[in-house]
Amino acid sequence: MSGHLLRAMFDAAVESAQPRTCLPPYLPPMPKGRTIVIGAGKASASMAQSLEAAWKGPLEGLVVTRYGHGAPCRDIEIVEAAHPVPDLAGRQAAGRILELVRGLGPDDLVIFLASGGGSALLTLPAPGLELEDKQTVSTALLRSGANIFEMNCVRKHLSAIKGGRLAAVAYPARVVTLAISDVPGDDPAVIASGPTVADPTTFSDARAILQKYGIGASSAVTALLKAADTETPKLGDPRLANSETFLIATPQMALEAAATTARAAGYMPVILGDSIEGEARHVAMVHAGIARQIAVHGQPALAPAVLLSGGETTVTVRGKGRGGRNAEFLLALAVALAGRPGIHAIAADTDGIDGTENNAGCILFPDSIARAAAEGANAKQLLEDNDGYGFFAAADGLIVSGPTLTNVNDFRAILINRTDSS
């Protein structure tokens, strides 16, 4: 019963962010001139497909999505590329997207479809850099424990297209960005690294982030960040005057959809937040403490209850195991709860892929540690090796959904049932 409810809440969260329902209400009027549709992210292909189905006039365009996340379109070209470390396909697509919006006039309309993953997929190195420079920095940032704001600050300042540069090239055309948010706080400047919005960060910020995490960069990257002579467009830049952004789906919307499912099943939902950040194992410790408080003291809600949260945790990789941040969170939660009866949990990425693995996330049962131990898997040792995938594979707790074609960041739910010991 608990396992089915956890999966039903995850499915409700994902469904709430499907482009076929959340995108059409935000479409702008048809322009006098051309309509160019461009986009980047794990949901961009399904967004393009939904736009085509609802649009009544002519259009053309190109979007880039992650391998395996494509959707058939009639007039919009779909290109698949690598994520989270960019590849040549993404670089070539980004170059073509920039050229598509060059030379447009005030009667033309650009619709930019932005979603999570767009930063890696829309990769066009700044002049003087090669793709390999960005690949090296991206890999180091992903392993460092840097949060999404820090990673995207660096990405913007190594790019010829991010941080408002795309909209600057499209000017004086009207630019309408339709965004599915996967970032804490839903800041449009962070979603896909904000190619169509003003960038509040600077070259100095990017240098400080690399220094903070001890990330060595190539001589070309170092020279570019030091020169700082082509800063990203800032608030008030006239080239951004015709650009506007609409958030069509957010993590909060997904949590509310899950809460509705929980109430229907007789559970009191407690939404802890839609933008929770921090090391995955540290966030897990806090969640475990709140779950125990409900089980023992009935605060801040009486059992049966469910804790819901979203956001994007980080993992500082020190081991050699497999698994994304959701597997890391849930394994740390398992260790903290130590098999406490009556508590079940799920942690999964709403895009259907946890990190670089084939699972969306994992599900935790009170006997998961015992199950894994029976297969020779030690929870604490695997946590130290950052091997959440290995633990939940042994405990039969992997969730494999395949690409969901949307992305509103991570989803976490912890069910606290009434037990005799509560």
Protein backbone atom coordinates (compact mmCIF):
# COMPACT_ATOMS: atom_id res chain seq x y z
CA MET A 1 0.00 0.00 0.00
CA SER A 2 2.67 2.54 1.03
CA GLY A 3 4.84 1.76 -1.98
CA HIS A 4 1.92 2.21 -4.35
CA LEU A 5 1.00 5.55 -2.77
CA LEU A 6 4.56 6.84 -3.02
CA ARG A 7 4.67 6.00 -6.72
CA ALA A 8 1.21 7.52 -7.26
CA MET A 9 2.42 10.81 -5.72
CA PHE A 10 5.50 10.82 -7.94
CA ASP A 11 3.34 10.17 -11.01
CA ALA A 12 0.97 13.01 -10.01
CA ALA A 13 3.91 15.38 -9.63
CA VAL A 14 5.23 14.49 -13.09
CA GLU A 15 1.80 14.71 -14.72
CA SER A 16 1.27 18.23 -13.36
CA ALA A 17 4.26 19.42 -15.39
CA GLN A 18 3.48 17.77 -18.72
CA PRO A 19 3.72 20.35 -21.54
CA ARG A 20 0.55 19.15 -23.24
CA THR A 21 -1.47 20.65 -20.38
CA CYS A 22 0.65 23.47 -18.99
CA LEU A 23 2.06 25.05 -22.19
CA PRO A 24 -0.90 26.00 -24.47
CA PRO A 25 -2.39 28.66 -22.12
CA TYR A 26 0.84 30.69 -22.36
CA LEU A 27 1.22 30.85 -26.14
CA PRO A 28 1.53 34.42 -27.46
CA PRO A 29 -0.52 35.83 -30.36
CA MET A 30 0.72 35.09 -33.86
CA PRO A 31 3.06 37.80 -35.19
CA LYS A 32 2.94 39.69 -38.48
CA GLY A 33 6.28 38.19 -39.40
CA ARG A 34 7.96 34.84 -38.87
CA THR A 35 7.63 32.54 -35.86
CA ILE A 36 10.90 30.88 -34.85
CA VAL A 37 10.74 28.19 -32.17
CA ILE A 38 13.98 27.30 -30.41
CA GLY A 39 14.67 25.53 -27.16
CA ALA A 40 16.97 23.53 -24.93
CA GLY A 41 16.38 21.09 -22.10
CA LYS A 42 15.12 17.66 -21.21
CA ALA A 43 11.52 18.78 -21.81
CA SER A 44 12.15 20.88 -24.92
CA ALA A 45 11.10 18.23 -27.46
CA SER A 46 7.78 17.50 -25.72
CA MET A 47 7.27 21.26 -25.32
CA ALA A 48 7.85 21.73 -29.05
CA GLN A 49 5.42 18.92 -29.83
CA SER A 50 2.74 20.50 -27.61
CA LEU A 51 3.34 23.92 -29.15
CA GLU A 52 2.93 22.54 -32.67
CA ALA A 53 -0.36 20.89 -31.72
CA ALA A 54 -1.77 24.18 -30.40
CA TRP A 55 -0.26 26.69 -32.87
CA LYS A 56 -2.52 27.75 -35.75
CA GLY A 57 -0.01 29.46 -38.02
CA PRO A 58 3.28 28.73 -39.77
CA LEU A 59 6.41 28.18 -37.71
CA GLU A 60 9.92 26.81 -37.97
CA GLY A 61 12.70 26.07 -35.57
CA LEU A 62 15.11 23.80 -33.76
CA VAL A 63 15.34 22.50 -30.20
CA VAL A 64 18.00 20.38 -28.53
CA THR A 65 17.20 17.77 -25.89
CA ARG A 66 18.95 14.94 -24.11
CA TYR A 67 19.55 11.62 -25.83
CA GLY A 68 16.42 9.52 -25.48
CA HIS A 69 14.17 12.50 -24.68
CA GLY A 70 13.03 13.31 -28.20
CA ALA A 71 9.44 13.62 -29.42
CA PRO A 72 8.25 13.63 -33.04
CA CYS A 73 7.50 17.07 -34.49
CA ARG A 74 6.26 18.23 -37.87
CA ASP A 75 7.99 21.57 -38.45
CA ILE A 76 10.42 21.91 -35.55
CA GLU A 77 13.68 19.99 -35.85
CA ILE A 78 14.66 17.93 -32.81
CA VAL A 79 18.33 17.34 -32.07
CA GLU A 80 19.50 15.04 -29.27
CA ALA A 81 22.77 15.66 -27.42
CA ALA A 82 24.65 14.73 -24.25
CA HIS A 83 23.84 15.70 -20.68
CA PRO A 84 25.22 16.57 -18.14
CA VAL A 85 28.61 16.86 -19.89
CA PRO A 86 28.15 18.54 -23.29
CA ASP A 87 29.16 16.98 -26.59
CA LEU A 88 29.67 18.00 -30.22
CA ALA A 89 26.00 17.47 -31.11
CA GLY A 90 24.96 20.01 -28.50
CA ARG A 91 27.60 22.46 -29.62
CA GLN A 92 26.53 22.25 -33.25
CA ALA A 93 22.84 22.62 -32.35
CA ALA A 94 23.57 25.70 -30.22
CA GLY A 95 25.44 27.31 -33.10
CA ARG A 96 22.54 26.67 -35.45
CA ILE A 97 20.03 28.04 -32.92
CA LEU A 98 21.98 31.28 -32.62
CA GLU A 99 22.03 31.66 -36.40
CA LEU A 100 18.26 31.02 -36.62
CA VAL A 101 17.54 34.15 -34.57
CA ARG A 102 20.13 36.39 -36.17
CA GLY A 103 18.89 39.17 -38.46
CA LEU A 104 15.23 39.11 -37.37
CA GLY A 105 13.01 42.19 -37.37
CA PRO A 106 10.49 43.77 -34.98
CA ASP A 107 7.57 41.91 -36.59
CA ASP A 108 9.15 38.50 -35.95
CA LEU A 109 8.54 36.27 -32.92
CA VAL A 110 11.01 33.96 -31.19
CA ILE A 111 9.56 31.40 -28.78
CA PHE A 112 12.27 29.93 -26.56
CA LEU A 113 11.37 26.66 -24.79
CA ALA A 114 13.52 26.39 -21.67
CA SER A 115 13.76 23.48 -19.26
CA GLY A 116 16.19 21.73 -16.97
CA GLY A 117 19.30 20.42 -18.64
CA GLY A 118 19.39 23.31 -21.08
CA SER A 119 22.71 24.57 -19.74
CA ALA A 120 24.60 21.45 -20.79
CA LEU A 121 22.63 20.94 -23.99
CA LEU A 122 22.92 24.52 -25.28
CA THR A 123 26.69 24.61 -25.41
CA LEU A 124 28.41 27.22 -27.56
CA PRO A 125 31.89 28.07 -26.26
CA ALA A 126 32.83 31.74 -26.06
CA PRO A 127 35.40 32.95 -28.62
CA GLY A 128 38.80 31.50 -27.81
CA LEU A 129 37.44 28.36 -26.14
CA GLU A 130 37.01 24.84 -27.46
CA LEU A 131 34.35 22.29 -26.54
CA GLU A 132 36.97 20.35 -24.56
CA ASP A 133 37.49 23.37 -22.29
CA LYS A 134 33.82 23.39 -21.33
CA GLN A 135 33.67 19.62 -20.95
CA THR A 136 36.57 19.66 -18.49
CA VAL A 137 35.11 22.47 -16.38
CA SER A 138 31.62 20.91 -16.43
CA THR A 139 32.92 17.55 -15.23
CA ALA A 140 34.88 19.17 -12.40
CA LEU A 141 31.91 21.27 -11.29
CA LEU A 142 29.60 18.25 -11.26
CA ARG A 143 31.97 16.38 -8.93
CA SER A 144 32.78 19.36 -6.71
CA GLY A 145 29.50 19.77 -4.83
CA ALA A 146 28.82 23.17 -6.42
CA ASN A 147 25.14 24.10 -6.50
CA ILE A 148 23.19 24.88 -9.67
CA PHE A 149 23.53 28.66 -9.21
CA GLU A 150 27.31 28.37 -9.06
CA MET A 151 27.56 25.94 -11.95
CA ASN A 152 25.39 28.09 -14.19
CA CYS A 153 27.29 31.25 -13.30
CA VAL A 154 30.47 29.65 -14.65
CA ARG A 155 28.67 28.20 -17.66
CA LYS A 156 27.29 31.63 -18.63
CA HIS A 157 30.70 33.23 -18.62
CA LEU A 158 32.23 30.55 -20.80
CA SER A 159 29.39 30.78 -23.33
CA ALA A 160 28.51 32.72 -26.47
CA ILE A 161 24.77 32.08 -26.06
CA LYS A 162 23.81 31.90 -22.36
CA GLY A 163 23.20 34.66 -19.83
CA GLY A 164 21.01 36.83 -22.10
CA ARG A 165 23.26 36.60 -25.15
CA LEU A 166 20.65 34.70 -27.20
CA ALA A 167 18.00 37.41 -26.74
CA ALA A 168 20.58 40.10 -27.52
CA VAL A 169 21.26 38.50 -30.91
CA ALA A 170 17.52 38.09 -31.61
CA TYR A 171 16.79 41.79 -30.96
CA PRO A 172 14.66 43.62 -32.20
CA ALA A 173 12.40 40.56 -32.58
CA ARG A 174 9.97 39.80 -29.78
CA VAL A 175 11.27 36.96 -27.58
CA VAL A 176 8.87 34.94 -25.44
CA THR A 177 10.41 32.34 -23.14
CA LEU A 178 8.20 29.53 -21.87
CA ALA A 179 10.03 27.85 -19.01
CA ILE A 180 9.56 24.70 -16.99
CA SER A 181 11.51 25.41 -13.82
CA ASP A 182 13.93 22.88 -12.36
CA VAL A 183 15.84 25.30 -10.13
CA PRO A 184 15.35 26.35 -6.50
CA GLY A 185 13.52 29.67 -6.42
CA ASP A 186 12.39 29.42 -10.08
CA ASP A 187 14.82 32.16 -11.16
CA PRO A 188 14.60 32.52 -14.98
CA ALA A 189 18.23 33.64 -15.02
CA VAL A 190 19.23 30.18 -13.76
CA ILE A 191 16.86 27.95 -15.77
CA ALA A 192 19.00 26.66 -18.68
CA SER A 193 21.46 29.43 -17.69
CA GLY A 194 19.03 32.13 -18.82
CA PRO A 195 19.86 32.61 -22.53
CA THR A 196 17.06 35.19 -22.91
CA VAL A 197 17.16 37.09 -19.61
CA ALA A 198 19.48 39.55 -17.89
CA ASP A 199 22.35 37.98 -15.97
CA PRO A 200 23.13 39.37 -12.50
CA THR A 201 26.42 37.44 -12.21
CA THR A 202 29.86 38.51 -13.37
CA PHE A 203 33.20 37.21 -14.57
CA SER A 204 34.53 37.92 -11.08
CA ASP A 205 31.83 35.66 -9.63
CA ALA A 206 32.80 32.86 -12.02
CA ARG A 207 36.49 33.14 -11.09
CA ALA A 208 35.61 33.03 -7.39
CA ILE A 209 33.55 29.84 -7.83
CA LEU A 210 36.37 27.99 -9.56
CA GLN A 211 38.73 29.12 -6.81
CA LYS A 212 36.26 28.12 -4.07
CA TYR A 213 36.15 24.51 -5.28
CA GLY A 214 39.79 24.30 -6.28
CA ILE A 215 38.96 23.70 -9.93
CA GLY A 216 41.89 24.09 -12.26
CA ALA A 217 41.05 25.39 -15.73
CA SER A 218 42.82 25.48 -19.06
CA SER A 219 44.88 28.50 -20.01
CA ALA A 220 42.16 29.54 -22.45
CA VAL A 221 39.47 29.48 -19.75
CA THR A 222 41.71 31.32 -17.30
CA ALA A 223 42.50 34.00 -19.88
CA LEU A 224 38.85 34.49 -20.81
CA LEU A 225 37.67 34.85 -17.22
CA LYS A 226 40.54 37.20 -16.41
CA ALA A 227 39.99 39.44 -19.46
CA ALA A 228 36.30 39.95 -18.62
CA ASP A 229 35.80 42.19 -21.63
CA THR A 230 32.54 40.71 -22.99
CA GLU A 231 30.25 40.73 -19.93
CA THR A 232 26.79 39.16 -20.18
CA PRO A 233 23.80 41.51 -20.75
CA LYS A 234 22.56 43.08 -17.52
CA LEU A 235 19.22 44.44 -16.31
CA GLY A 236 18.27 47.48 -18.40
CA ASP A 237 20.18 46.37 -21.49
CA PRO A 238 18.10 47.70 -24.42
CA ARG A 239 18.66 44.47 -26.38
CA LEU A 240 16.51 42.67 -23.80
CA ALA A 241 13.63 45.16 -23.99
CA ASN A 242 11.47 42.88 -26.15
CA SER A 243 12.09 39.72 -24.11
CA GLU A 244 9.62 38.30 -21.56
CA THR A 245 9.44 35.03 -19.62
CA PHE A 246 6.56 32.88 -18.37
CA LEU A 247 6.93 30.02 -15.89
CA ILE A 248 4.52 27.35 -17.11
CA ALA A 249 5.39 24.63 -14.57
CA THR A 250 7.27 24.72 -11.27
CA PRO A 251 8.35 22.37 -8.46
CA GLN A 252 5.71 23.88 -6.16
CA MET A 253 2.96 22.91 -8.59
CA ALA A 254 4.29 19.34 -8.60
CA LEU A 255 4.34 19.17 -4.79
CA GLU A 256 0.78 20.45 -4.59
CA ALA A 257 -0.35 17.77 -7.05
CA ALA A 258 1.31 15.12 -4.88
CA ALA A 259 -0.31 16.61 -1.77
CA THR A 260 -3.73 16.24 -3.37
CA THR A 261 -3.01 12.55 -4.01
CA ALA A 262 -1.89 12.10 -0.39
CA ARG A 263 -5.03 13.70 1.04
CA ALA A 264 -7.22 11.44 -1.10
CA ALA A 265 -5.45 8.45 0.48
CA GLY A 266 -6.01 9.72 4.02
CA TYR A 267 -2.53 11.18 4.68
CA MET A 268 -1.83 14.69 5.96
CA PRO A 269 0.67 16.33 3.57
CA VAL A 270 3.39 18.58 4.98
CA ILE A 271 5.26 20.49 2.26
CA LEU A 272 8.70 21.29 3.65
CA GLY A 273 9.77 23.39 0.68
CA ASP A 274 10.15 23.41 -3.08
CA SER A 275 13.72 24.72 -3.16
CA ILE A 276 15.70 22.70 -0.63
CA GLU A 277 19.44 22.60 -1.30
CA GLY A 278 22.56 21.25 0.38
CA GLU A 279 24.56 18.04 0.47
CA ALA A 280 22.15 15.17 -0.16
CA ARG A 281 23.21 13.26 2.96
CA HIS A 282 22.86 16.32 5.17
CA VAL A 283 19.39 17.08 3.80
CA ALA A 284 18.49 13.45 4.49
CA MET A 285 19.49 13.81 8.15
CA VAL A 286 17.12 16.76 8.57
CA HIS A 287 14.26 14.93 6.84
CA ALA A 288 14.85 11.89 9.06
CA GLY A 289 14.64 14.06 12.17
CA ILE A 290 11.31 15.55 11.11
CA ALA A 291 9.94 12.09 10.25
CA ARG A 292 10.89 10.82 13.72
CA GLN A 293 9.26 13.86 15.33
CA ILE A 294 5.98 13.02 13.62
CA ALA A 295 6.25 9.33 14.53
CA VAL A 296 7.06 9.95 18.20
CA HIS A 297 5.44 13.28 19.07
CA GLY A 298 2.86 13.93 16.35
CA GLN A 299 4.53 17.19 15.36
CA PRO A 300 4.23 19.05 13.04
CA ALA A 301 1.45 16.65 11.97
CA LEU A 302 -0.20 13.53 13.28
CA ALA A 303 0.46 10.25 11.51
CA PRO A 304 -0.51 9.11 8.97
CA ALA A 305 1.34 11.95 7.28
CA VAL A 306 3.68 12.52 4.38
CA LEU A 307 6.63 14.90 4.15
CA LEU A 308 6.99 16.40 0.68
CA SER A 309 9.94 18.39 -0.63
CA GLY A 310 11.60 19.48 -3.84
CA GLY A 311 14.73 21.29 -4.90
CA GLU A 312 18.18 20.18 -5.92
CA THR A 313 20.68 18.69 -3.53
CA THR A 314 24.34 18.21 -4.35
CA VAL A 315 26.79 15.37 -3.92
CA THR A 316 30.49 15.85 -3.30
CA VAL A 317 31.82 12.69 -4.94
CA ARG A 318 34.54 11.02 -2.91
CA GLY A 319 33.85 7.36 -3.68
CA LYS A 320 33.69 5.30 -6.85
CA GLY A 321 30.10 4.08 -6.64
CA ARG A 322 27.12 4.69 -8.88
CA GLY A 323 24.04 6.78 -8.29
CA GLY A 324 22.62 10.27 -8.54
CA ARG A 325 21.71 12.72 -5.81
CA ASN A 326 18.33 11.07 -5.16
CA ALA A 327 19.90 7.68 -4.51
CA GLU A 328 22.44 9.38 -2.23
CA PHE A 329 19.68 11.18 -0.32
CA LEU A 330 17.61 8.04 0.15
CA LEU A 331 20.55 5.88 1.20
CA ALA A 332 21.53 8.49 3.80
CA LEU A 333 17.90 8.54 4.95
CA ALA A 334 17.95 4.76 5.28
CA VAL A 335 21.06 4.90 7.45
CA ALA A 336 19.58 7.67 9.61
CA LEU A 337 16.26 5.86 10.14
CA ALA A 338 17.94 2.48 10.69
CA GLY A 339 14.90 0.47 9.66
CA ARG A 340 12.39 2.36 11.80
CA PRO A 341 8.99 0.69 11.32
CA GLY A 342 6.16 2.51 9.56
CA ILE A 343 8.32 4.88 7.50
CA HIS A 344 8.59 4.54 3.72
CA ALA A 345 10.11 7.03 1.29
CA ILE A 346 10.75 7.87 -2.34
CA ALA A 347 13.29 10.20 -3.94
CA ALA A 348 13.33 10.61 -7.70
CA ASP A 349 14.12 13.08 -10.45
CA THR A 350 10.99 14.18 -12.28
CA ASP A 351 12.82 13.92 -15.61
CA GLY A 352 13.08 10.16 -15.11
CA ILE A 353 16.89 10.04 -14.85
CA ASP A 354 18.78 10.30 -11.56
CA GLY A 355 22.15 11.74 -12.52
CA THR A 356 23.61 9.60 -15.29
CA GLU A 357 21.99 6.29 -14.32
CA ASN A 358 19.02 4.50 -15.87
CA ASN A 359 16.72 4.95 -12.87
CA ALA A 360 14.53 7.90 -11.96
CA GLY A 361 15.27 7.33 -8.30
CA CYS A 362 14.63 4.84 -5.54
CA ILE A 363 12.10 3.74 -2.96
CA LEU A 364 12.87 2.94 0.68
CA PHE A 365 11.03 0.43 2.87
CA PRO A 366 11.58 -0.21 6.59
CA ASP A 367 13.33 -3.49 5.71
CA SER A 368 15.50 -2.13 2.87
CA ILE A 369 18.71 -2.31 4.93
CA ALA A 370 17.93 -5.93 5.84
CA ARG A 371 17.13 -6.77 2.22
CA ALA A 372 20.39 -5.29 0.99
CA ALA A 373 22.37 -6.98 3.77
CA ALA A 374 20.96 -10.33 2.69
CA GLU A 375 22.58 -9.65 -0.70
CA GLY A 376 25.90 -8.74 0.91
CA ALA A 377 25.41 -4.95 0.67
CA ASN A 378 26.35 -2.81 3.68
CA ALA A 379 24.42 0.49 3.77
CA LYS A 380 27.03 2.58 5.59
CA GLN A 381 29.91 1.33 3.46
CA LEU A 382 28.00 1.99 0.25
CA LEU A 383 27.10 5.50 1.40
CA GLU A 384 30.78 6.25 1.97
CA ASP A 385 31.45 5.06 -1.59
CA ASN A 386 28.62 7.20 -3.02
CA ASP A 387 26.98 3.98 -4.20
CA GLY A 388 23.28 4.57 -3.65
CA TYR A 389 22.51 2.77 -6.90
CA GLY A 390 24.29 -0.35 -5.69
CA PHE A 391 22.42 -0.34 -2.39
CA PHE A 392 18.96 0.01 -3.91
CA ALA A 393 19.74 -2.51 -6.63
CA ALA A 394 20.50 -5.00 -3.85
CA ALA A 395 17.39 -3.94 -1.88
CA ASP A 396 15.14 -4.15 -4.97
CA GLY A 397 14.30 -0.47 -4.64
CA LEU A 398 15.25 1.08 -7.98
CA ILE A 399 12.53 3.03 -9.83
CA VAL A 400 12.93 2.88 -13.60
CA SER A 401 10.38 5.06 -15.40
CA GLY A 402 12.30 6.07 -18.50
CA PRO A 403 12.37 9.72 -19.65
CA THR A 404 9.23 11.57 -18.54
CA LEU A 405 9.74 14.40 -21.08
CA THR A 406 9.37 17.06 -18.41
CA ASN A 407 11.53 18.27 -15.52
CA VAL A 408 10.57 20.11 -12.32
CA ASN A 409 13.59 18.93 -10.37
CA ASP A 410 13.80 16.37 -7.58
CA PHE A 411 10.77 14.95 -5.79
CA ARG A 412 10.91 13.52 -2.27
CA ALA A 413 8.13 12.01 -0.18
CA ILE A 414 8.38 10.32 3.23
CA LEU A 415 5.32 8.45 4.50
CA ILE A 416 4.92 8.12 8.26
CA ASN A 417 2.32 5.52 9.19
CA ARG A 418 0.83 4.82 12.60
CA THR A 419 2.60 1.96 14.38
CA ASP A 420 2.31 0.36 17.80
CA SER A 421 5.65 1.87 18.76
CA SER A 422 4.78 5.41 17.67
